[in-house]
C-alpha cells in the first residue's frame, strides 16, 4: 500500500473510526486508478502518494456523485511525469 489508513484519515481530517471501512475501499480504488493511469505498478514515490491521497479525498468527498472521468483526468495531470508511454 502506498497510503495507509492513518495517512488517509489525517489527510481527510477524519478523527473518528466510523468511516474506516469506506476509506480503506477508497484507498484500494485510488491505488488501482493510479496504477491504471501510470500503466505500471505504483511505487511508493512521493508523487504517487500525492496522487493516491488526492484520489481518496475526491472519492470520499464525492461519494454520492463522483465523476470518474474528471478524477482520471486529474490523475493523468498529477502523474504525467511518471506515466509509461504505450505505443
Foldseek 3Di string as FASTA:
>chain_A
DLDDLVRLCVLLVPDDCPCSVVLVVQLVVQQVLLCVLQVHHDDNDPLSSVSSSVSSNQCVVCVPHRDVVVSSVVSCVSCVVRHDDDD
